[in-house]
Protein backbone atom coordinates (compact mmCIF):
# COMPACT_ATOMS: atom_id res chain seq x y z
CA UNK A 1 -0.03 -0.02 -0.11
CA UNK A 2 1.50 3.61 -1.13
CA UNK A 3 1.85 5.82 1.74
CA UNK A 4 1.16 9.64 2.06
CA UNK A 5 1.79 12.52 4.30
CA UNK A 6 -0.86 14.33 6.57
CA UNK A 7 1.64 16.36 8.53
CA UNK A 8 4.13 14.05 10.47
CA UNK A 9 1.59 11.15 9.88
CA UNK A 10 2.42 8.29 7.19
CA UNK A 11 -0.81 7.21 6.21
CA UNK A 12 -2.34 4.62 3.58
CA UNK A 13 -3.42 5.88 0.20
CA UNK A 14 -6.71 4.37 0.89
CA UNK A 15 -7.99 4.79 4.19
CA UNK A 16 -11.40 3.44 5.75
CA UNK A 17 -14.28 5.80 6.43
CA UNK A 18 -15.93 4.67 9.61
CA UNK A 19 -19.28 6.46 9.26
CA UNK A 20 -21.33 3.07 8.75
CA UNK A 21 -20.29 1.81 12.19
CA UNK A 22 -23.29 1.81 14.49
CA UNK A 23 -25.51 3.21 12.02
CA UNK A 24 -25.49 0.74 9.09
CA UNK A 25 -23.43 -2.38 10.69
CA UNK A 26 -23.08 -3.68 14.21
CA UNK A 27 -20.16 -4.08 16.48
CA UNK A 28 -19.23 -7.40 15.24
CA UNK A 29 -19.37 -6.57 11.52
CA UNK A 30 -17.66 -3.13 12.16
CA UNK A 31 -14.63 -5.42 13.73
CA UNK A 32 -14.40 -7.37 10.72
CA UNK A 33 -14.17 -4.58 8.43
CA UNK A 34 -11.24 -2.88 10.68
CA UNK A 35 -9.46 -6.21 10.65
CA UNK A 36 -9.66 -6.59 6.73
CA UNK A 37 -8.43 -3.17 6.47
CA UNK A 38 -5.49 -3.73 8.56
CA UNK A 39 -4.72 -7.01 7.01
CA UNK A 40 -4.98 -5.25 3.55
CA UNK A 41 -2.34 -2.48 4.66
CA UNK A 42 -4.84 0.33 5.33
CA UNK A 43 -3.54 2.24 8.25
CA UNK A 44 -6.02 5.33 8.27
CA UNK A 45 -9.16 5.30 10.23
CA UNK A 46 -11.32 8.32 9.95
CA UNK A 47 -14.46 8.51 12.29
CA UNK A 48 -16.26 11.24 14.25
CA UNK A 49 -17.76 11.74 17.71
CA UNK A 50 -21.55 12.05 16.32
CA UNK A 51 -21.00 8.92 13.73
CA UNK A 52 -23.56 6.12 14.77
CA UNK A 53 -24.70 7.88 17.55
CA UNK A 54 -21.07 8.04 18.87
CA UNK A 55 -20.81 4.21 18.84
CA UNK A 56 -18.50 4.39 15.80
CA UNK A 57 -15.64 5.63 17.98
CA UNK A 58 -16.32 2.94 20.36
CA UNK A 59 -16.67 -0.05 17.87
CA UNK A 60 -13.23 1.07 16.33
CA UNK A 61 -11.27 1.59 19.31
CA UNK A 62 -12.15 -1.89 20.66
CA UNK A 63 -11.57 -3.36 16.90
CA UNK A 64 -8.23 -1.69 17.11
CA UNK A 65 -7.52 -3.36 20.90
CA UNK A 66 -3.87 -4.98 20.59
CA UNK A 67 -3.40 -3.49 17.35
CA UNK A 68 -3.65 0.25 17.96
CA UNK A 69 0.12 0.79 16.91
CA UNK A 70 -0.62 -0.03 13.43
CA UNK A 71 -3.41 2.47 12.95
CA UNK A 72 -3.38 6.04 12.23
CA UNK A 73 -7.01 7.28 13.95
CA UNK A 74 -8.72 10.41 12.97
CA UNK A 75 -11.75 11.74 14.30
CA UNK A 76 -13.69 15.01 14.33
CA UNK A 77 -15.80 17.44 17.01
CA UNK A 78 -17.99 20.21 16.65
CA UNK A 79 -21.28 18.93 15.38
CA UNK A 80 -24.01 18.35 18.48
CA UNK A 81 -23.47 15.29 20.34
CA UNK A 82 -26.17 13.74 21.87
CA UNK A 83 -27.64 13.59 24.78
CA UNK A 84 -25.59 16.53 25.98
CA UNK A 85 -26.02 18.26 22.61
CA UNK A 86 -22.63 20.03 22.81
CA UNK A 87 -21.68 21.70 19.67
CA UNK A 88 -19.15 24.32 18.07
CA UNK A 89 -15.38 24.67 18.51
CA UNK A 90 -15.07 26.83 21.59
CA UNK A 91 -12.13 25.64 24.18
CA UNK A 92 -14.60 24.67 26.83
CA UNK A 93 -16.43 22.52 24.14
CA UNK A 94 -13.33 21.24 22.71
CA UNK A 95 -11.67 20.17 25.95
CA UNK A 96 -14.95 18.07 26.85
CA UNK A 97 -15.04 16.52 23.28
CA UNK A 98 -11.67 15.39 23.16
CA UNK A 99 -11.90 13.61 26.62
CA UNK A 100 -15.35 11.94 25.33
CA UNK A 101 -13.38 10.68 22.16
CA UNK A 102 -10.20 9.52 24.05
CA UNK A 103 -12.52 7.48 26.25
CA UNK A 104 -14.65 6.13 23.51
CA UNK A 105 -11.47 5.14 21.36
CA UNK A 106 -9.80 3.38 24.14
CA UNK A 107 -6.81 5.42 23.50
CA UNK A 108 -4.53 7.90 24.81
CA UNK A 109 -3.89 9.88 21.75
CA UNK A 110 -5.84 10.89 18.53
CA UNK A 111 -3.46 10.94 15.65
CA UNK A 112 -5.67 13.64 13.60
CA UNK A 113 -8.15 15.52 15.34
CA UNK A 114 -10.44 17.46 12.91
CA UNK A 115 -13.03 20.44 13.42
CA UNK A 116 -15.93 18.89 11.74
CA UNK A 117 -17.25 22.55 10.27
CA UNK A 118 -16.41 25.95 10.73
CA UNK A 119 -17.98 27.51 14.08
CA UNK A 120 -19.19 31.19 13.37
CA UNK A 121 -19.54 31.90 17.16
CA UNK A 122 -16.24 30.85 18.00
CA UNK A 123 -12.95 33.01 16.65
CA UNK A 124 -10.73 30.38 14.82
CA UNK A 125 -7.89 31.90 16.66
CA UNK A 126 -9.44 30.58 20.01
CA UNK A 127 -10.00 27.16 18.80
CA UNK A 128 -6.48 26.93 17.57
CA UNK A 129 -5.02 27.93 20.59
CA UNK A 130 -7.05 25.14 22.50
CA UNK A 131 -6.08 22.68 19.90
CA UNK A 132 -2.13 23.74 20.18
CA UNK A 133 -2.60 22.94 23.88
CA UNK A 134 -3.93 19.37 23.15
CA UNK A 135 -0.98 18.97 21.01
CA UNK A 136 1.48 20.30 23.53
CA UNK A 137 -0.23 17.95 26.16
CA UNK A 138 0.34 14.94 23.89
CA UNK A 139 -3.54 14.15 23.45
CA UNK A 140 -3.41 15.01 19.83
CA UNK A 141 -0.54 14.53 17.27
CA UNK A 142 -1.89 16.97 14.32
CA UNK A 143 -5.14 19.01 14.01
CA UNK A 144 -7.22 19.22 10.78
CA UNK A 145 -10.47 20.70 9.47
CA UNK A 146 -13.46 19.90 7.50
CA UNK A 147 -15.87 21.73 5.45
CA UNK A 148 -13.63 24.86 5.07
CA UNK A 149 -13.64 26.90 2.24
CA UNK A 150 -10.11 28.15 0.69
CA UNK A 151 -10.93 31.89 2.50
CA UNK A 152 -11.45 30.14 5.46
CA UNK A 153 -8.46 28.10 5.30
CA UNK A 154 -6.32 31.06 4.84
CA UNK A 155 -7.93 32.97 7.56
CA UNK A 156 -6.95 30.05 9.77
CA UNK A 157 -3.29 30.25 8.46
CA UNK A 158 -3.19 33.79 9.52
CA UNK A 159 -4.56 33.26 12.88
CA UNK A 160 -1.79 30.59 13.87
CA UNK A 161 0.71 31.67 16.57
CA UNK A 162 4.41 31.39 15.77
CA UNK A 163 5.47 27.79 16.90
CA UNK A 164 2.12 26.72 17.46
CA UNK A 165 0.20 23.86 15.77
CA UNK A 166 -1.79 24.59 12.35
CA UNK A 167 -4.47 22.84 10.25
CA UNK A 168 -2.31 20.21 8.41
CA UNK A 169 -5.66 18.90 6.34
CA UNK A 170 -8.88 19.93 5.18
CA UNK A 171 -11.71 17.14 4.57
CA UNK A 172 -14.35 18.12 2.09
CA UNK A 173 -16.73 16.73 -0.52
CA UNK A 174 -14.94 15.77 -3.59
CA UNK A 175 -15.62 12.93 -6.32
CA UNK A 176 -15.96 12.55 -10.10
CA UNK A 177 -19.27 14.22 -9.87
CA UNK A 178 -18.67 17.07 -7.59
CA UNK A 179 -15.48 18.89 -8.71
CA UNK A 180 -16.10 22.22 -6.71
CA UNK A 181 -12.91 21.90 -4.86
CA UNK A 182 -10.77 22.07 -7.59
CA UNK A 183 -11.60 26.03 -7.97
CA UNK A 184 -10.02 27.22 -5.09
CA UNK A 185 -9.57 24.53 -1.93
CA UNK A 186 -7.13 22.21 -3.89
CA UNK A 187 -5.20 24.83 -5.17
CA UNK A 188 -5.12 26.56 -1.62
CA UNK A 189 -3.72 23.13 -0.40
CA UNK A 190 -1.28 22.88 -2.82
CA UNK A 191 0.22 26.63 -1.83
CA UNK A 192 -0.04 25.83 1.83
CA UNK A 193 1.44 22.24 1.82
CA UNK A 194 -1.88 20.85 3.36
CA UNK A 195 -3.25 17.55 2.73
CA UNK A 196 -6.62 17.06 1.26
CA UNK A 197 -9.09 14.01 2.34
CA UNK A 198 -12.13 13.62 0.14
CA UNK A 199 -15.45 12.47 1.43
CA UNK A 200 -18.10 11.01 -0.34
CA UNK A 201 -15.48 9.56 -2.85
CA UNK A 202 -18.38 7.27 -4.26
CA UNK A 203 -20.95 9.58 -4.47
CA UNK A 204 -22.73 8.19 -1.73
CA UNK A 205 -22.69 4.67 -3.67
CA UNK A 206 -23.51 6.28 -7.06
CA UNK A 207 -19.94 5.34 -8.50
CA UNK A 208 -19.70 1.98 -6.82
CA UNK A 209 -20.86 0.39 -9.98
CA UNK A 210 -24.27 -1.06 -8.71
CA UNK A 211 -26.57 1.40 -10.52
CA UNK A 212 -27.46 1.63 -13.93
CA UNK A 213 -29.10 4.09 -16.23
CA UNK A 214 -32.73 3.59 -17.06
CA UNK A 215 -33.27 1.61 -13.93
CA UNK A 216 -35.10 2.95 -10.76
CA UNK A 217 -32.90 3.39 -7.69
CA UNK A 218 -33.29 0.17 -5.57
CA UNK A 219 -35.55 -0.11 -2.50
CA UNK A 220 -33.73 0.16 0.64
CA UNK A 221 -30.86 2.42 -0.99
CA UNK A 222 -30.17 5.75 0.29
CA UNK A 223 -31.34 7.36 -3.09
CA UNK A 224 -34.93 6.49 -2.29
CA UNK A 225 -34.90 8.03 1.14
CA UNK A 226 -35.84 11.50 0.00
CA UNK A 227 -32.95 13.17 1.43
CA UNK A 228 -29.52 14.75 -0.06
CA UNK A 229 -28.30 11.72 -1.79
CA UNK A 230 -31.78 11.22 -3.64
CA UNK A 231 -30.74 14.60 -5.55
CA UNK A 232 -27.85 12.68 -7.14
CA UNK A 233 -29.88 10.10 -8.67
CA UNK A 234 -30.69 12.09 -12.10
CA UNK A 235 -30.55 11.02 -15.82
CA UNK A 236 -27.76 13.27 -16.25
CA UNK A 237 -25.71 11.83 -13.65
CA UNK A 238 -26.68 8.47 -14.56
CA UNK A 239 -25.33 9.08 -18.19
CA UNK A 240 -22.27 10.13 -16.84
CA UNK A 241 -21.80 7.08 -14.47
CA UNK A 242 -22.25 4.86 -17.88
CA UNK A 243 -19.80 6.83 -19.83
CA UNK A 244 -17.26 6.72 -16.84
CA UNK A 245 -18.07 2.78 -16.36
CA UNK A 246 -17.35 2.15 -20.21
CA UNK A 247 -14.33 3.99 -19.91
CA UNK A 248 -12.96 1.89 -17.14
CA UNK A 249 -14.04 -1.30 -18.65
CA UNK A 250 -11.90 -0.34 -21.86
CA UNK A 251 -8.70 -0.51 -19.48
CA UNK A 252 -9.99 -3.67 -17.58
CA UNK A 253 -11.13 -1.97 -14.45
CA UNK A 254 -14.33 -1.31 -12.59
CA UNK A 255 -16.12 2.09 -12.28
CA UNK A 256 -15.24 1.90 -8.19
CA UNK A 257 -11.51 1.47 -9.06
CA UNK A 258 -11.78 4.48 -11.56
CA UNK A 259 -13.50 6.85 -8.87
CA UNK A 260 -10.60 5.99 -6.28
CA UNK A 261 -7.47 6.03 -8.19
CA UNK A 262 -8.79 9.17 -10.21
CA UNK A 263 -8.63 11.12 -6.68
CA UNK A 264 -5.38 9.77 -5.96
CA UNK A 265 -4.06 11.09 -9.11
CA UNK A 266 -4.28 14.65 -7.37
CA UNK A 267 -1.11 14.82 -5.42
CA UNK A 268 -2.82 17.08 -2.61
CA UNK A 269 -4.92 14.04 -2.06
CA UNK A 270 -3.54 12.22 0.89
CA UNK A 271 -5.95 9.49 1.56
CA UNK A 272 -9.40 8.32 0.18
CA UNK A 273 -11.35 7.20 3.07
CA UNK A 274 -13.81 5.12 1.57
CA UNK A 275 -16.39 3.47 3.70
CA UNK A 276 -17.19 -0.13 3.81
CA UNK A 277 -19.59 -2.63 5.37
CA UNK A 278 -17.84 -5.69 4.39
CA UNK A 279 -14.53 -7.15 4.22
CA UNK A 280 -14.93 -7.64 0.41
CA UNK A 281 -15.77 -4.04 0.04
CA UNK A 282 -12.64 -2.97 1.72
CA UNK A 283 -10.62 -5.26 -0.48
CA UNK A 284 -12.27 -3.78 -3.65
CA UNK A 285 -11.36 -0.18 -2.39
CA UNK A 286 -7.67 -1.22 -1.79
CA UNK A 287 -7.44 -2.90 -5.15
CA UNK A 288 -8.31 0.52 -6.87
CA UNK A 289 -5.17 2.00 -5.71
CA UNK A 290 -3.06 -0.16 -7.98
CA UNK A 291 -4.45 1.35 -11.18
CA UNK A 292 -2.36 4.66 -11.94
CA UNK A 293 -4.09 6.97 -14.51
CA UNK A 294 -2.06 8.77 -17.27
CA UNK A 295 -2.10 12.25 -18.25
CA UNK A 296 -4.14 11.18 -21.38
CA UNK A 297 -6.47 9.61 -19.23
CA UNK A 298 -7.41 12.24 -17.17
CA UNK A 299 -7.98 14.53 -20.10
CA UNK A 300 -10.47 11.95 -21.63
CA UNK A 301 -12.39 11.79 -18.16
CA UNK A 302 -12.47 15.72 -18.09
CA UNK A 303 -13.91 15.20 -22.01
CA UNK A 304 -16.49 12.81 -20.61
CA UNK A 305 -17.87 15.11 -17.61
CA UNK A 306 -17.32 18.16 -19.86
């Protein structure tokens, strides 16, 4: 497995998103997925204190028992956590949130601690000062953010005190069908030397290869729930998906492999944190990293998506 950098951390190019834990799969199934990931060379695990009603952190921590030294664990804070309902990035909330995450994860440190989204009610310099304190205390190794614009990233960089910890990564929505970060956030990451972590790499499953143009969304899938994902299931997107599927098949690969290796073709992308509900899905995600796209491939993909 290729390794890439997030600050001082060396992470696998394909990571494991743990948002299914406690939501779509139980603890036993979560453990099987984690163990399959470790066995396949994955060392980067991304979760959040709100995933699965906070069970995701618990399931991940117990699954890593005895193998914690082989894992780079990332989690997030800032969204409301029930039942307390704490939210935001104030120093007081942050200090409570990190202790809760450490307890649930069963560890004495978090490798990458990420602000889940900007907090308009807390000056970013206050959040950064509190996060720097956690780094100096050894409870956190590196800090990052999520759902930040390029302007917000620059503001955070300007707010860092000399010698203090700074955001080394940003985790935003990015995939073949959602390319907004290319306009400003990816260039900002390249300029600032930050790592980029794409979430929803498979467009909520639309790029997994399971959905076909002209067919209704399967019952039970997230595309029939009426939520945000349902808005993706359009004729236009399905036409793009079919064209991408044919392109991948022409090279002997699957659509899923194309979705992941295309993200990895962007050098600022440190790890593709794809979710998985079974060991087989983990193995398929890992296999995708072995396909390296050439410049002419990337140009043809741009033409297909134009």
